[in-house]
Protein backbone atom coordinates (compact mmCIF):
# COMPACT_ATOMS: atom_id res chain seq x y z
CA MET A 1 157.67 125.65 162.13
CA LEU A 2 161.24 125.57 160.98
CA ALA A 3 162.30 123.93 164.17
CA SER A 4 159.77 121.11 163.61
CA ILE A 5 161.08 120.57 160.04
CA PHE A 6 164.69 120.68 161.14
CA LYS A 7 163.85 118.06 163.88
CA PHE A 8 162.06 115.85 161.46
CA PHE A 9 164.99 115.69 159.05
CA THR A 10 167.49 115.04 161.83
CA SER A 11 165.44 112.09 163.25
CA LEU A 12 167.19 108.78 163.40
CA LYS A 13 163.76 107.20 162.98
CA LEU A 14 163.55 108.88 159.63
CA THR A 15 166.80 107.28 158.66
CA VAL A 16 165.74 103.76 159.80
CA VAL A 17 162.28 104.09 157.90
CA CYS A 18 163.96 105.30 154.76
CA LEU A 19 166.53 102.36 154.90
CA CYS A 20 163.70 99.89 155.53
CA MET A 21 161.72 101.26 152.61
CA SER A 22 164.81 101.28 150.39
CA LEU A 23 165.05 97.47 151.12
CA VAL A 24 161.39 97.12 149.85
CA VAL A 25 162.06 99.09 146.74
CA VAL A 26 165.21 97.08 145.88
CA PHE A 27 163.37 93.75 146.53
CA PHE A 28 160.28 94.55 144.46
CA GLY A 29 162.37 96.35 141.81
CA THR A 30 164.42 93.20 141.42
CA MET A 31 161.21 91.00 141.12
CA ALA A 32 159.73 93.32 138.52
CA GLN A 33 162.63 92.90 136.16
CA ASP A 34 161.22 89.58 134.89
CA PRO A 35 157.64 90.70 133.93
CA LEU A 36 158.53 94.25 133.10
CA GLY A 37 162.08 94.09 131.70
CA LEU A 38 165.17 95.71 133.14
CA TYR A 39 164.66 99.22 131.73
CA ILE A 40 161.06 99.64 132.78
CA ALA A 41 161.78 98.26 136.17
CA GLN A 42 164.66 100.67 136.65
CA GLU A 43 162.53 103.58 135.48
CA ARG A 44 159.47 102.80 137.63
CA PHE A 45 161.21 101.76 140.88
CA PHE A 46 164.71 103.31 141.01
CA HIS A 47 164.63 106.28 138.71
CA SER A 48 161.30 107.84 139.94
CA PHE A 49 160.03 109.59 143.04
CA PHE A 50 157.00 107.32 143.42
CA ILE A 51 156.19 103.79 142.36
CA ASP A 52 152.95 103.42 140.62
CA TRP A 53 150.33 100.82 141.48
CA ALA A 54 150.61 98.81 138.16
CA SER A 55 154.41 98.35 138.46
CA LEU A 56 154.07 97.36 142.11
CA LYS A 57 151.34 94.92 141.24
CA ALA A 58 153.46 93.24 138.74
CA ALA A 59 156.32 92.88 141.31
CA ILE A 60 153.95 91.38 143.91
CA GLU A 61 152.40 88.95 141.37
CA LYS A 62 155.96 87.76 140.56
CA THR A 63 156.77 87.30 144.14
CA LEU A 64 153.63 85.30 144.60
CA GLN A 65 154.64 83.08 141.67
CA MET A 66 158.08 82.52 143.26
CA VAL A 67 156.29 80.89 146.21
CA ASP A 68 153.99 78.77 144.00
CA VAL A 69 150.89 80.88 144.20
CA TYR A 70 149.01 80.88 140.95
CA VAL A 71 148.34 84.16 139.27
CA ALA A 72 145.61 84.00 136.58
CA ALA A 73 146.60 86.95 134.46
CA PRO A 74 149.93 88.40 135.55
CA THR A 75 150.63 92.05 134.68
CA THR A 76 152.98 92.56 131.73
CA GLY A 77 155.16 95.43 130.70
CA ALA A 78 152.66 96.54 128.07
CA ASP A 79 149.97 96.64 130.78
CA VAL A 80 152.16 98.77 133.01
CA LEU A 81 152.94 101.32 130.18
CA ALA A 82 149.24 101.56 129.26
CA ALA A 83 148.02 102.02 132.89
CA PRO A 84 147.74 105.36 134.75
CA ARG A 85 150.60 106.17 136.99
CA ILE A 86 148.80 106.11 140.46
CA PRO A 87 151.53 106.64 143.04
CA VAL A 88 151.45 104.16 145.94
CA PHE A 89 155.05 103.93 147.38
CA PRO A 90 158.14 106.07 147.61
CA GLY A 91 160.55 105.57 144.80
CA GLY A 92 164.36 105.47 144.63
CA TYR A 93 164.78 109.14 143.91
CA LEU A 94 162.47 110.20 146.75
CA LEU A 95 164.14 107.89 149.30
CA GLY A 96 167.59 108.82 148.18
CA SER A 97 166.91 112.48 148.38
CA ILE A 98 165.37 112.23 151.90
CA LEU A 99 168.47 110.22 153.09
CA LEU A 100 170.80 112.63 151.59
CA ILE A 101 169.04 115.67 153.24
CA ASN A 102 168.90 113.63 156.51
CA LEU A 103 172.58 112.82 156.45
CA ILE A 104 173.61 116.50 155.60
CA VAL A 105 171.37 118.07 158.22
CA THR A 106 172.16 115.62 160.88
CA HIS A 107 175.89 116.02 160.33
CA TYR A 108 175.55 119.86 160.43
CA SER A 109 173.58 119.80 163.63
CA ARG A 110 175.23 117.02 165.71
CA PHE A 111 178.79 116.70 164.52
CA LYS A 112 181.45 119.26 165.16
CA PHE A 113 184.85 118.50 163.63
CA SER A 114 187.51 117.23 165.96
CA TRP A 115 190.44 114.91 165.40
CA PRO A 116 188.82 112.01 167.43
CA LYS A 117 185.78 112.25 165.18
CA ALA A 118 187.67 112.80 161.86
CA GLY A 119 186.91 109.32 160.67
CA ILE A 120 183.11 109.78 161.17
CA PHE A 121 183.47 113.07 159.30
CA LEU A 122 185.28 111.43 156.35
CA THR A 123 182.79 108.52 156.28
CA HIS A 124 179.80 110.92 156.07
CA ILE A 125 181.47 112.87 153.25
CA GLY A 126 182.07 109.65 151.32
CA ILE A 127 178.42 108.53 151.59
CA VAL A 128 177.19 111.98 150.51
CA LEU A 129 179.54 111.81 147.49
CA LEU A 130 178.37 108.32 146.62
CA LEU A 131 174.64 109.41 146.61
CA VAL A 132 175.28 112.66 144.66
CA GLY A 133 177.54 110.69 142.19
CA GLN A 134 174.73 108.16 141.55
CA LEU A 135 172.29 110.94 140.96
CA PHE A 136 174.70 112.57 138.36
CA THR A 137 175.16 109.24 136.78
CA ASP A 138 171.46 108.70 136.29
CA VAL A 139 170.91 112.34 134.95
CA PHE A 140 174.11 112.83 132.78
CA SER A 141 175.39 109.32 131.70
CA SER A 142 174.52 107.78 128.33
CA GLU A 143 175.00 104.38 126.72
CA SER A 144 175.11 103.68 123.15
CA SER A 145 176.70 101.30 120.66
CA MET A 146 178.84 101.46 117.58
CA ARG A 147 178.83 98.56 114.93
CA LEU A 148 181.60 98.60 112.39
CA SER A 149 182.63 96.29 109.65
CA VAL A 150 186.32 95.89 108.79
CA GLY A 151 187.40 98.96 106.88
CA GLU A 152 184.38 100.97 107.84
CA SER A 153 184.68 104.29 109.66
CA ARG A 154 182.13 106.15 111.87
CA ASN A 155 182.08 109.26 113.92
CA TYR A 156 178.88 108.52 115.81
CA ALA A 157 177.43 105.97 118.17
CA GLU A 158 173.73 104.96 118.25
CA ASP A 159 171.40 104.75 121.27
CA PHE A 160 169.17 101.82 120.68
CA ARG A 161 166.64 102.91 123.29
CA LYS A 162 165.98 106.32 121.81
CA ASN A 163 164.91 107.67 118.46
CA GLU A 164 164.97 111.00 116.76
CA LEU A 165 163.41 112.67 113.70
CA VAL A 166 166.02 114.36 111.57
CA LEU A 167 165.80 116.86 108.68
CA ILE A 168 169.06 117.12 106.90
CA ASP A 169 170.02 120.07 104.63
CA GLY A 170 172.79 118.90 102.32
CA SER A 171 173.01 122.06 100.27
CA SER A 172 176.41 123.04 101.72
CA ALA A 173 179.49 121.56 99.99
CA GLU A 174 181.42 121.51 103.29
CA HIS A 175 178.99 119.72 105.65
CA ASP A 176 175.34 118.82 106.22
CA VAL A 177 173.21 120.76 108.54
CA THR A 178 171.01 118.43 110.65
CA THR A 179 167.95 119.45 112.67
CA SER A 180 167.22 116.73 115.29
CA ILE A 181 163.89 116.56 116.97
CA PRO A 182 163.71 114.30 120.02
CA GLN A 183 161.30 111.43 120.31
CA SER A 184 159.58 113.05 123.32
CA ARG A 185 158.07 115.68 120.96
CA LEU A 186 156.74 113.25 118.50
CA ARG A 187 153.09 112.99 119.64
CA LYS A 188 149.93 112.96 117.48
CA GLY A 189 148.74 116.50 116.87
CA ALA A 190 152.02 118.10 117.79
CA VAL A 191 153.26 120.95 115.67
CA ILE A 192 157.03 121.31 115.29
CA GLU A 193 158.91 124.37 114.12
CA HIS A 194 162.59 125.32 114.18
CA ALA A 195 164.53 128.36 113.15
CA SER A 196 166.60 126.26 110.71
CA LEU A 197 163.57 125.11 108.80
CA PRO A 198 161.54 127.17 106.37
CA PHE A 199 158.43 125.10 107.12
CA LYS A 200 156.58 123.54 110.02
CA LEU A 201 155.75 119.97 110.70
CA ARG A 202 152.51 118.45 112.08
CA VAL A 203 152.42 114.90 113.51
CA LEU A 204 149.38 113.27 111.95
CA GLU A 205 150.14 109.79 113.34
CA TYR A 206 152.62 108.23 115.61
CA TRP A 207 153.12 104.60 116.52
CA GLY A 208 155.38 103.76 119.33
CA ASN A 209 155.87 100.31 117.98
CA ALA A 210 154.47 98.80 114.77
CA ASP A 211 154.95 96.46 112.00
CA PHE A 212 155.09 97.84 108.44
CA THR A 213 154.67 96.10 105.06
CA GLY A 214 154.39 96.87 101.47
CA GLU A 215 151.17 94.75 100.84
CA SER A 216 147.68 94.74 102.28
CA LYS A 217 147.22 92.11 104.98
CA PRO A 218 144.53 91.38 107.52
CA GLY A 219 144.92 93.75 110.64
CA TYR A 220 146.93 96.31 108.71
CA THR A 221 145.77 99.69 107.60
CA LYS A 222 147.06 101.88 104.70
CA VAL A 223 149.28 104.83 105.79
CA ASP A 224 147.80 108.18 105.06
CA ALA A 225 150.67 109.69 103.16
CA ASP A 226 150.95 111.11 99.65
CA LYS A 227 154.70 111.65 99.30
CA GLY A 228 157.76 109.44 99.12
CA PHE A 229 157.15 105.69 99.71
CA GLY A 230 154.39 106.20 102.26
CA PRO A 231 151.45 105.55 99.94
CA LYS A 232 152.75 101.98 99.42
CA ILE A 233 152.92 101.20 103.14
CA PHE A 234 150.53 99.36 105.45
CA VAL A 235 150.86 99.51 109.31
CA LYS A 236 149.75 97.52 112.24
CA GLY A 237 150.24 98.85 115.86
CA LEU A 238 152.11 96.54 118.28
CA PRO A 239 152.48 96.66 122.08
CA PRO A 240 155.78 98.02 123.52
CA VAL A 241 158.72 95.64 123.59
CA THR A 242 160.00 95.00 127.11
CA ALA A 243 162.70 92.40 126.53
CA MET A 244 166.26 93.58 126.93
CA ASP A 245 167.35 92.29 123.57
CA GLY A 246 164.45 93.85 121.76
CA ARG A 247 163.43 97.37 120.72
CA ASP A 248 160.35 99.23 119.58
CA MET A 249 160.11 100.17 115.90
CA PRO A 250 158.23 103.45 115.78
CA GLY A 251 156.65 105.09 112.70
CA ILE A 252 155.34 108.51 111.93
CA VAL A 253 153.21 110.34 109.40
CA LEU A 254 154.18 113.99 109.12
CA GLU A 255 152.67 116.92 107.22
CA ALA A 256 154.99 119.69 106.12
CA PHE A 257 153.27 123.16 105.67
CA THR A 258 153.94 126.81 105.35
CA ASP A 259 151.69 129.83 105.53
CA SER A 260 150.90 129.26 101.90
CA GLY A 261 149.55 125.71 102.54
CA SER A 262 150.51 122.10 102.91
CA LEU A 263 153.65 120.66 101.15
CA GLY A 264 152.51 117.05 101.46
CA ARG A 265 152.37 114.13 103.96
CA TRP A 266 155.37 111.86 104.45
CA PHE A 267 155.73 108.48 106.26
CA SER A 268 159.01 107.40 107.96
CA ALA A 269 159.86 104.62 110.37
CA VAL A 270 162.97 103.41 112.11
CA GLY A 271 164.71 100.74 109.81
CA PHE A 272 163.38 102.20 106.59
CA SER A 273 166.33 103.63 104.67
CA PRO A 274 164.95 104.95 101.28
CA ARG A 275 165.73 108.62 100.79
CA GLN A 276 162.87 111.13 101.08
CA VAL A 277 163.04 114.83 100.73
CA ILE A 278 160.95 117.76 101.48
CA GLU A 279 161.46 120.67 99.06
CA ALA A 280 161.02 124.20 100.46
CA GLY A 281 162.69 127.52 100.23
CA GLY A 282 164.75 126.41 97.27
CA LYS A 283 166.42 123.58 99.19
CA GLU A 284 165.92 119.91 99.72
CA TYR A 285 165.55 118.51 103.31
CA GLN A 286 165.98 114.79 103.71
CA VAL A 287 163.57 113.57 106.37
CA ALA A 288 164.04 110.28 108.42
CA LEU A 289 162.97 108.80 111.58
CA ARG A 290 166.01 106.96 112.88
CA ILE A 291 167.91 105.63 115.97
CA LYS A 292 169.39 108.56 118.06
CA ARG A 293 173.01 109.31 117.24
CA TYR A 294 175.72 110.84 119.35
CA TYR A 295 178.28 112.50 117.04
CA THR A 296 182.04 112.97 118.02
CA PRO A 297 184.76 115.21 116.57
CA TYR A 298 186.78 112.13 115.76
CA SER A 299 186.17 108.91 113.89
CA LEU A 300 186.93 105.24 114.51
CA THR A 301 187.87 102.77 111.73
CA LEU A 302 187.91 98.99 112.31
CA VAL A 303 191.14 97.64 111.15
CA GLU A 304 190.92 94.15 112.52
CA ALA A 305 188.36 91.90 114.23
CA ARG A 306 189.45 88.65 115.78
CA HIS A 307 187.35 85.79 117.26
CA ASP A 308 189.88 83.23 118.43
CA LYS A 309 188.89 79.75 119.65
CA TYR A 310 190.74 77.10 121.65
CA LYS A 311 192.21 74.68 119.11
CA GLY A 312 189.93 71.87 118.28
CA THR A 313 186.96 73.30 120.10
CA GLU A 314 184.28 75.91 119.67
CA ILE A 315 185.17 77.56 122.99
CA PRO A 316 185.95 81.26 122.48
CA ARG A 317 189.45 82.23 123.66
CA ASN A 318 189.68 85.82 122.58
CA PHE A 319 187.53 88.65 121.21
CA SER A 320 189.59 91.69 120.10
CA SER A 321 189.35 94.62 117.68
CA VAL A 322 192.02 96.91 116.34
CA VAL A 323 190.67 100.40 115.58
CA ARG A 324 192.22 103.54 114.07
CA VAL A 325 191.41 106.70 116.00
CA LYS A 326 191.56 109.71 113.69
CA ASN A 327 190.95 113.22 115.06
CA SER A 328 191.32 116.04 112.55
CA GLU A 329 191.08 118.76 115.22
CA SER A 330 194.21 117.46 117.11
CA GLY A 331 195.92 115.74 114.29
CA GLU A 332 195.91 112.44 116.02
CA ASP A 333 195.93 109.20 113.98
CA ARG A 334 196.84 106.02 115.91
CA GLU A 335 195.80 102.40 116.20
CA VAL A 336 194.39 100.97 119.44
CA LYS A 337 193.53 97.37 120.47
CA ILE A 338 190.25 96.87 122.27
CA PHE A 339 189.49 93.50 124.00
CA MET A 340 187.61 92.17 126.91
CA ASN A 341 188.30 94.15 130.13
CA ASN A 342 190.63 96.47 128.10
CA PRO A 343 188.41 99.32 126.66
CA LEU A 344 189.32 102.45 124.84
CA ARG A 345 188.96 105.65 126.90
CA TYR A 346 188.94 108.68 124.76
CA GLN A 347 187.61 112.22 125.34
CA GLY A 348 185.20 111.20 128.02
CA LYS A 349 183.88 108.14 126.32
CA THR A 350 184.71 104.50 127.00
CA TYR A 351 184.51 101.96 124.18
CA TYR A 352 183.94 98.32 125.39
CA GLN A 353 184.18 95.19 123.27
CA TYR A 354 180.50 94.18 123.21
CA GLN A 355 179.67 91.77 120.30
CA MET A 356 181.61 90.10 117.58
CA ALA A 357 180.87 88.48 114.10
CA ALA A 358 184.23 87.52 112.91
CA ASP A 359 184.36 83.69 113.08
CA GLU A 360 185.01 81.17 110.25
CA MET A 361 181.35 81.07 109.34
CA MET A 362 181.43 84.75 108.33
CA LEU A 363 184.59 84.22 106.29
CA ARG A 364 183.07 81.14 104.41
CA GLN A 365 180.08 83.17 103.59
CA GLY A 366 182.25 85.92 102.15
CA GLU A 367 180.93 88.53 104.58
CA ARG A 368 183.20 91.14 106.13
CA PRO A 369 183.84 90.64 109.90
CA THR A 370 182.01 93.08 112.19
CA SER A 371 182.61 94.25 115.74
CA THR A 372 180.25 96.11 118.10
CA PHE A 373 181.37 98.43 120.78
CA GLN A 374 179.37 99.53 123.77
CA VAL A 375 180.12 103.26 124.19
CA VAL A 376 179.53 104.67 127.63
CA GLU A 377 179.79 108.35 128.73
CA ASN A 378 179.60 109.07 132.37
CA PRO A 379 181.06 112.39 133.63
CA SER A 380 180.90 111.29 137.27
CA TRP A 381 182.50 107.82 136.79
CA LEU A 382 185.23 108.62 139.33
CA ALA A 383 182.59 109.51 142.09
CA PRO A 384 182.01 105.89 143.34
CA TYR A 385 185.71 105.03 143.46
CA LEU A 386 186.59 108.23 145.22
CA ALA A 387 183.55 107.80 147.73
CA CYS A 388 184.68 104.34 148.52
CA VAL A 389 188.20 105.42 149.24
CA ILE A 390 187.10 108.27 151.50
CA VAL A 391 184.72 105.99 153.39
CA GLY A 392 187.48 103.38 153.67
CA LEU A 393 189.97 105.86 154.99
CA GLY A 394 187.31 107.22 157.47
CA LEU A 395 186.61 103.68 158.83
CA LEU A 396 190.39 102.83 158.99
CA TYR A 397 191.05 106.06 160.84
CA GLN A 398 188.14 105.58 163.37
CA PHE A 399 188.86 101.87 164.04
CA GLY A 400 192.54 102.52 164.24
CA LEU A 401 191.91 105.20 166.77
CA HIS A 402 189.87 103.00 168.89
CA LEU A 403 192.34 100.22 168.54
CA LYS A 404 195.18 102.45 169.73
CA LYS A 405 193.13 103.53 172.72
CA PHE A 406 192.46 99.86 173.59
CA PHE A 407 196.18 98.88 173.53
CA VAL A 408 196.92 102.04 175.61
CA ARG A 409 194.46 101.07 178.32
CA LYS A 410 195.64 97.45 178.22
CA ALA A 411 199.24 98.54 178.65
CA LYS A 412 198.30 100.69 181.69
CA ALA A 413 196.41 97.84 183.20
């Protein structure tokens, strides 16, 4: 039994089949980016063990449209998210895992280290490092953004693809105590409790994406809340947003309760800023559904934002920001200039110049210039560079060795 499994994973046919299937996944995953959006296509094709039928159907329909075949009702991103996930084809994670196992087992069984084969040995190590590094990037990396006006300081970035429910205890004079509940736990009927809270929460309603208004309109229903600003709100559910430049605006109705009974029902939604509090245990807890934040032990202050153009034209010449990095733990306080292709790398995070609103129109309107940074944290960012260097050295060594043998045989002849 073990011999059969070992033989299966060392088969060259398995390598060829996985590589061919990978080409299929890359092709249809690329085609699916138009109807599904980049993030859904990545999740369903590359960041999954199996591709579901709805996603593959959307990619096939897009392929048919590319060759002028009419499709009556093409599958959309909302259709894919609502459809059951019926697996029909291996996904990127499964194919990558099999290829990794195939490479390691084959190398172990067939290759014994020797100097004539050192190049092949290095090449295999580089490929393994590349696959493992990509897996670590998918699992541990994060992308967020930080938008600052001139003179504004922040010690956190926001992930515009994720949300969180927070309850903030501001009773301490030194710092707030924030309890964060991830979006994955916010489902209708879920009961949430935490050691830092003297009450429990029950999710009465949750909209993944919705429109909210303060007046009654056709298609809108009144929010079932009796605390805060909830009783004045009307809601209408919307399909999920799949465009890269858009985002869902979720909302929630929560009931806070203890063993003694209910404390009330609150409504909150991303984008609503009015302060709402739950009173319990002699304290006030501010409750809010907001964009997920990643806090840092240091802060950035935007000192200057420049949007330069070529003289006499509207063609951008330069986007740059000067920020002050202040770290109370290390005592560091310095200014850094961030511009295109020259990011700030600090404590494992990289700040790229992403967007800018600092042109003459902003100044004429009397608004403060703003700058937005894309914040990337990737613990394995060195892996692909190191893997490419190792593979390159392995190939150079192996080709150089064969080239040397060729010239030696030619000289003897």
